[in-house]
Each structure stands twice: as structure tokens, then as C-alpha cells.
């Protein structure tokens, strides 16, 4: 299983901005708000104060890759496969695709 995040992610940028906002919470009934809510919460848990905007964005994308790989590893299909000694070997990888350079970096989880 390969989970791939990418640099210059618009969703991550939106979550960084949402995490900075002190305004009232956005409409939780919006599908996009519900989809990005966990990433916005993850952004709030990170210390991005010493980072440039591009460094912060890359840090958020990388943290999200790590989080989502963890979620995949805890999912029922994966845990079931890992528990079965007769099943084919299943591995999970987290990658970050650099849009500008066209390169993939493996994120060690």
C-alpha cells in the first residue's frame, strides 16, 4: 500500500490558514470542512512558528503522511492481513511527491 502526499498541497495550505484563524469555527456541515477538519487539528498540534511558509507547508504535508500511514496500518484489512501468517506480505509506505522536481521521497514512519 502506498500513500502519497505532495508538495504545494492546496488542502494543507487551507488547513494552515484555518488553524491560524481565531474566527468562529467554519460551517461544520460543509463536506470540505469535515474532510479537512482532522488535518486542521493536526496543523494546530505542530510548532510551525520558526518555519518559513514553504517549510511549514512541507512539515504539515509530511506530518499528514505519517498520520495517514498510521491510520492505514491500524485499519481492519491491514491488521487482518498482518495477523494471518498464510496471507501474502503486505507493506505500507508513505511517500512525498515533489511537484517541482518530479521526485518522490520516502517518509520513514
N, C-alpha and C. Protein backbone atom coordinates (compact mmCIF):
# COMPACT_ATOMS: atom_id res chain seq x y z
N UNK A 1 0.86 -1.16 0.00
CA UNK A 1 0.00 0.00 0.00
C UNK A 1 0.91 1.22 0.00
N UNK A 2 0.63 2.16 -0.89
CA UNK A 2 1.43 3.39 -0.96
C UNK A 2 0.51 4.58 -0.77
N UNK A 3 0.84 5.40 0.22
CA UNK A 3 0.13 6.65 0.43
C UNK A 3 1.06 7.76 -0.03
N UNK A 4 0.58 8.63 -0.92
CA UNK A 4 1.42 9.68 -1.47
C UNK A 4 0.81 11.05 -1.18
N UNK A 5 1.59 11.89 -0.51
CA UNK A 5 1.25 13.30 -0.36
C UNK A 5 2.10 14.07 -1.35
N UNK A 6 1.84 15.36 -1.48
CA UNK A 6 2.63 16.13 -2.44
C UNK A 6 2.90 17.54 -1.93
N UNK A 7 3.99 18.11 -2.43
CA UNK A 7 4.35 19.48 -2.08
C UNK A 7 3.30 20.43 -2.66
N UNK A 8 3.26 21.64 -2.12
CA UNK A 8 2.34 22.68 -2.58
C UNK A 8 0.88 22.24 -2.54
N UNK A 9 0.53 21.48 -1.52
CA UNK A 9 -0.83 20.95 -1.39
C UNK A 9 -1.81 22.06 -0.99
N UNK A 10 -2.79 22.29 -1.82
CA UNK A 10 -3.78 23.33 -1.54
C UNK A 10 -4.61 23.03 -0.30
N UNK A 11 -4.92 21.77 -0.06
CA UNK A 11 -5.67 21.40 1.14
C UNK A 11 -4.88 21.69 2.40
N UNK A 12 -3.58 21.36 2.38
CA UNK A 12 -2.73 21.63 3.54
C UNK A 12 -2.59 23.14 3.76
N UNK A 13 -2.47 23.90 2.66
CA UNK A 13 -2.39 25.37 2.78
C UNK A 13 -3.66 25.92 3.43
N UNK A 14 -4.80 25.41 2.99
CA UNK A 14 -6.07 25.87 3.56
C UNK A 14 -6.15 25.54 5.04
N UNK A 15 -5.64 24.39 5.44
CA UNK A 15 -5.68 24.00 6.85
C UNK A 15 -4.73 24.84 7.69
N UNK A 16 -3.60 25.24 7.14
CA UNK A 16 -2.69 26.13 7.85
C UNK A 16 -3.39 27.46 8.10
N UNK A 17 -4.05 27.98 7.10
CA UNK A 17 -4.78 29.24 7.25
C UNK A 17 -5.93 29.10 8.24
N UNK A 18 -6.65 27.99 8.16
CA UNK A 18 -7.77 27.75 9.09
C UNK A 18 -7.26 27.64 10.52
N UNK A 19 -6.11 27.01 10.71
CA UNK A 19 -5.55 26.85 12.06
C UNK A 19 -5.13 28.19 12.65
N UNK A 20 -4.72 29.13 11.80
CA UNK A 20 -4.32 30.48 12.25
C UNK A 20 -5.53 31.32 12.63
N UNK A 21 -6.66 31.01 12.04
CA UNK A 21 -7.85 31.82 12.22
C UNK A 21 -8.37 31.73 13.65
N UNK A 22 -8.69 32.88 14.20
CA UNK A 22 -9.30 32.92 15.53
C UNK A 22 -10.80 33.16 15.41
N UNK A 23 -11.27 33.23 14.17
CA UNK A 23 -12.71 33.43 13.95
C UNK A 23 -13.48 32.21 14.39
N UNK A 24 -14.78 32.37 14.42
CA UNK A 24 -15.65 31.24 14.78
C UNK A 24 -15.38 30.08 13.86
N UNK A 25 -15.65 28.88 14.34
CA UNK A 25 -15.43 27.69 13.53
C UNK A 25 -16.24 27.79 12.25
N UNK A 26 -15.65 27.34 11.13
CA UNK A 26 -16.41 27.32 9.89
C UNK A 26 -17.59 26.35 9.98
N UNK A 27 -18.46 26.45 9.04
CA UNK A 27 -19.65 25.61 8.99
C UNK A 27 -19.25 24.14 8.94
N UNK A 28 -19.49 23.43 10.03
CA UNK A 28 -19.10 22.02 10.13
C UNK A 28 -19.92 21.12 9.22
N UNK A 29 -21.01 21.65 8.67
CA UNK A 29 -21.83 20.84 7.79
C UNK A 29 -21.27 20.81 6.36
N UNK A 30 -20.30 21.66 6.08
CA UNK A 30 -19.68 21.69 4.76
C UNK A 30 -18.85 20.41 4.57
N UNK A 31 -19.06 19.71 3.48
CA UNK A 31 -18.27 18.48 3.25
C UNK A 31 -16.76 18.76 3.25
N UNK A 32 -16.35 19.87 2.67
CA UNK A 32 -14.92 20.19 2.63
C UNK A 32 -14.38 20.45 4.03
N UNK A 33 -15.14 21.14 4.86
CA UNK A 33 -14.71 21.41 6.24
C UNK A 33 -14.58 20.11 7.01
N UNK A 34 -15.53 19.21 6.85
CA UNK A 34 -15.45 17.90 7.52
C UNK A 34 -14.25 17.11 7.03
N UNK A 35 -13.97 17.16 5.74
CA UNK A 35 -12.87 16.42 5.15
C UNK A 35 -11.52 16.94 5.68
N UNK A 36 -11.39 18.27 5.77
CA UNK A 36 -10.12 18.87 6.17
C UNK A 36 -9.99 19.09 7.68
N UNK A 37 -11.05 18.86 8.44
CA UNK A 37 -11.02 19.07 9.89
C UNK A 37 -9.89 18.34 10.60
N UNK A 38 -9.69 17.05 10.34
CA UNK A 38 -8.58 16.36 11.02
C UNK A 38 -7.21 16.94 10.68
N UNK A 39 -7.03 17.39 9.44
CA UNK A 39 -5.74 17.99 9.07
C UNK A 39 -5.57 19.34 9.74
N UNK A 40 -6.64 20.11 9.86
CA UNK A 40 -6.56 21.39 10.56
C UNK A 40 -6.18 21.16 12.03
N UNK A 41 -6.75 20.14 12.65
CA UNK A 41 -6.40 19.80 14.03
C UNK A 41 -4.93 19.38 14.12
N UNK A 42 -4.46 18.62 13.14
CA UNK A 42 -3.05 18.23 13.12
C UNK A 42 -2.15 19.45 13.01
N UNK A 43 -2.52 20.40 12.15
CA UNK A 43 -1.74 21.64 12.00
C UNK A 43 -1.64 22.36 13.33
N UNK A 44 -2.75 22.44 14.05
CA UNK A 44 -2.75 23.13 15.34
C UNK A 44 -1.82 22.45 16.36
N UNK A 45 -1.55 21.18 16.18
CA UNK A 45 -0.70 20.45 17.12
C UNK A 45 0.79 20.60 16.81
N UNK A 46 1.11 21.17 15.66
CA UNK A 46 2.51 21.30 15.25
C UNK A 46 3.06 22.67 15.62
N UNK A 47 4.34 22.73 15.92
CA UNK A 47 5.00 24.01 16.16
C UNK A 47 5.61 24.47 14.85
N UNK A 48 4.95 25.41 14.21
CA UNK A 48 5.40 25.92 12.91
C UNK A 48 5.95 27.34 13.03
N UNK A 49 6.08 27.83 14.26
CA UNK A 49 6.43 29.23 14.49
C UNK A 49 7.79 29.63 13.91
N UNK A 50 8.75 28.73 13.87
CA UNK A 50 10.08 29.07 13.37
C UNK A 50 10.25 28.73 11.89
N UNK A 51 9.17 28.29 11.24
CA UNK A 51 9.25 27.85 9.85
C UNK A 51 8.83 28.94 8.88
N UNK A 52 9.49 28.98 7.72
CA UNK A 52 9.00 29.81 6.63
C UNK A 52 7.70 29.19 6.14
N UNK A 53 6.99 29.91 5.29
CA UNK A 53 5.71 29.39 4.78
C UNK A 53 5.91 28.07 4.03
N UNK A 54 6.94 27.99 3.20
CA UNK A 54 7.15 26.75 2.45
C UNK A 54 7.61 25.62 3.36
N UNK A 55 8.44 25.93 4.35
CA UNK A 55 8.86 24.90 5.31
C UNK A 55 7.66 24.39 6.11
N UNK A 56 6.80 25.32 6.53
CA UNK A 56 5.61 24.94 7.29
C UNK A 56 4.72 24.03 6.45
N UNK A 57 4.53 24.38 5.20
CA UNK A 57 3.69 23.56 4.32
C UNK A 57 4.26 22.16 4.18
N UNK A 58 5.56 22.06 3.94
CA UNK A 58 6.18 20.73 3.81
C UNK A 58 6.09 19.94 5.10
N UNK A 59 6.24 20.63 6.24
CA UNK A 59 6.14 19.95 7.54
C UNK A 59 4.73 19.42 7.76
N UNK A 60 3.73 20.19 7.37
CA UNK A 60 2.33 19.76 7.51
C UNK A 60 2.06 18.55 6.61
N UNK A 61 2.51 18.63 5.36
CA UNK A 61 2.28 17.51 4.43
C UNK A 61 2.96 16.25 4.96
N UNK A 62 4.20 16.38 5.44
CA UNK A 62 4.91 15.21 5.96
C UNK A 62 4.22 14.65 7.21
N UNK A 63 3.79 15.51 8.10
CA UNK A 63 3.08 15.05 9.31
C UNK A 63 1.78 14.35 8.93
N UNK A 64 1.11 14.85 7.90
CA UNK A 64 -0.13 14.21 7.47
C UNK A 64 0.14 12.84 6.84
N UNK A 65 1.21 12.73 6.09
CA UNK A 65 1.57 11.42 5.52
C UNK A 65 1.80 10.42 6.65
N UNK A 66 2.56 10.83 7.66
CA UNK A 66 2.83 9.95 8.80
C UNK A 66 1.53 9.54 9.49
N UNK A 67 0.65 10.51 9.69
CA UNK A 67 -0.64 10.24 10.36
C UNK A 67 -1.49 9.27 9.54
N UNK A 68 -1.54 9.50 8.23
CA UNK A 68 -2.39 8.65 7.39
C UNK A 68 -1.81 7.25 7.22
N UNK A 69 -0.49 7.12 7.19
CA UNK A 69 0.12 5.79 7.16
C UNK A 69 -0.25 5.05 8.45
N UNK A 70 -0.19 5.76 9.57
CA UNK A 70 -0.59 5.16 10.84
C UNK A 70 -2.05 4.70 10.80
N UNK A 71 -2.92 5.54 10.25
CA UNK A 71 -4.34 5.17 10.13
C UNK A 71 -4.51 3.92 9.27
N UNK A 72 -3.79 3.85 8.17
CA UNK A 72 -3.87 2.68 7.29
C UNK A 72 -3.40 1.43 8.04
N UNK A 73 -2.29 1.57 8.77
CA UNK A 73 -1.74 0.43 9.50
C UNK A 73 -2.67 -0.08 10.58
N UNK A 74 -3.53 0.77 11.09
CA UNK A 74 -4.50 0.37 12.12
C UNK A 74 -5.84 -0.09 11.53
N UNK A 75 -5.98 -0.01 10.21
CA UNK A 75 -7.25 -0.39 9.60
C UNK A 75 -7.46 -1.89 9.63
N UNK A 76 -8.70 -2.30 9.64
CA UNK A 76 -9.05 -3.72 9.76
C UNK A 76 -8.46 -4.58 8.64
N UNK A 77 -8.50 -4.16 7.38
CA UNK A 77 -7.93 -5.02 6.35
C UNK A 77 -6.42 -5.26 6.53
N UNK A 78 -5.71 -4.24 6.96
CA UNK A 78 -4.26 -4.38 7.12
C UNK A 78 -3.94 -5.22 8.36
N UNK A 79 -4.60 -4.93 9.48
CA UNK A 79 -4.32 -5.71 10.69
C UNK A 79 -4.70 -7.18 10.49
N UNK A 80 -5.76 -7.42 9.74
CA UNK A 80 -6.16 -8.79 9.46
C UNK A 80 -5.11 -9.49 8.61
N UNK A 81 -4.62 -8.79 7.59
CA UNK A 81 -3.59 -9.38 6.72
C UNK A 81 -2.32 -9.66 7.51
N UNK A 82 -1.93 -8.75 8.37
CA UNK A 82 -0.72 -8.94 9.16
C UNK A 82 -0.87 -10.06 10.19
N UNK A 83 -2.10 -10.29 10.64
CA UNK A 83 -2.33 -11.34 11.65
C UNK A 83 -2.35 -12.74 11.04
N UNK A 84 -2.56 -12.81 9.73
CA UNK A 84 -2.66 -14.10 9.06
C UNK A 84 -1.29 -14.53 8.53
N UNK A 85 -0.69 -15.55 9.15
CA UNK A 85 0.66 -15.96 8.72
C UNK A 85 0.68 -16.54 7.30
N UNK A 86 -0.48 -16.95 6.80
CA UNK A 86 -0.55 -17.54 5.45
C UNK A 86 -0.86 -16.51 4.37
N UNK A 87 -1.17 -15.27 4.77
CA UNK A 87 -1.50 -14.22 3.79
C UNK A 87 -0.23 -13.72 3.12
N UNK A 88 -0.41 -13.15 1.94
CA UNK A 88 0.72 -12.53 1.26
C UNK A 88 1.20 -11.35 2.10
N UNK A 89 2.48 -11.07 2.03
CA UNK A 89 3.06 -9.99 2.81
C UNK A 89 2.51 -8.64 2.32
N UNK A 90 2.05 -7.84 3.26
CA UNK A 90 1.53 -6.51 2.95
C UNK A 90 2.43 -5.49 3.63
N UNK A 91 2.85 -4.51 2.87
CA UNK A 91 3.65 -3.41 3.44
C UNK A 91 2.96 -2.09 3.15
N UNK A 92 3.23 -1.12 3.99
CA UNK A 92 2.62 0.20 3.85
C UNK A 92 3.76 1.22 3.77
N UNK A 93 3.69 2.09 2.79
CA UNK A 93 4.72 3.11 2.57
C UNK A 93 4.07 4.49 2.52
N UNK A 94 4.80 5.49 3.00
CA UNK A 94 4.39 6.88 2.87
C UNK A 94 5.40 7.62 2.03
N UNK A 95 4.94 8.27 0.99
CA UNK A 95 5.82 9.00 0.08
C UNK A 95 5.37 10.45 -0.03
N UNK A 96 6.34 11.33 -0.31
CA UNK A 96 6.01 12.71 -0.64
C UNK A 96 6.53 12.97 -2.06
N UNK A 97 5.61 13.40 -2.92
CA UNK A 97 5.96 13.72 -4.30
C UNK A 97 6.24 15.21 -4.40
N UNK A 98 7.44 15.55 -4.87
CA UNK A 98 7.83 16.95 -5.07
C UNK A 98 7.38 17.36 -6.47
N UNK A 99 6.36 18.20 -6.53
CA UNK A 99 5.79 18.60 -7.82
C UNK A 99 6.79 19.36 -8.69
N UNK A 100 7.63 20.19 -8.08
CA UNK A 100 8.58 21.00 -8.84
C UNK A 100 9.70 20.15 -9.45
N UNK A 101 10.15 19.15 -8.72
CA UNK A 101 11.29 18.36 -9.17
C UNK A 101 10.90 17.02 -9.78
N UNK A 102 9.65 16.62 -9.59
CA UNK A 102 9.22 15.34 -10.13
C UNK A 102 9.86 14.15 -9.41
N UNK A 103 10.18 14.34 -8.15
CA UNK A 103 10.85 13.28 -7.37
C UNK A 103 9.97 12.82 -6.21
N UNK A 104 10.18 11.58 -5.83
CA UNK A 104 9.46 11.00 -4.70
C UNK A 104 10.46 10.77 -3.57
N UNK A 105 10.05 11.16 -2.36
CA UNK A 105 10.86 10.92 -1.17
C UNK A 105 10.07 10.01 -0.27
N UNK A 106 10.72 8.94 0.20
CA UNK A 106 10.04 8.05 1.16
C UNK A 106 10.09 8.70 2.54
N UNK A 107 8.94 8.71 3.19
CA UNK A 107 8.85 9.22 4.56
C UNK A 107 8.93 8.00 5.46
N UNK A 108 9.95 7.97 6.28
CA UNK A 108 10.16 6.83 7.17
C UNK A 108 9.23 6.97 8.36
N UNK A 109 8.38 5.98 8.54
CA UNK A 109 7.39 6.02 9.62
C UNK A 109 7.72 4.95 10.63
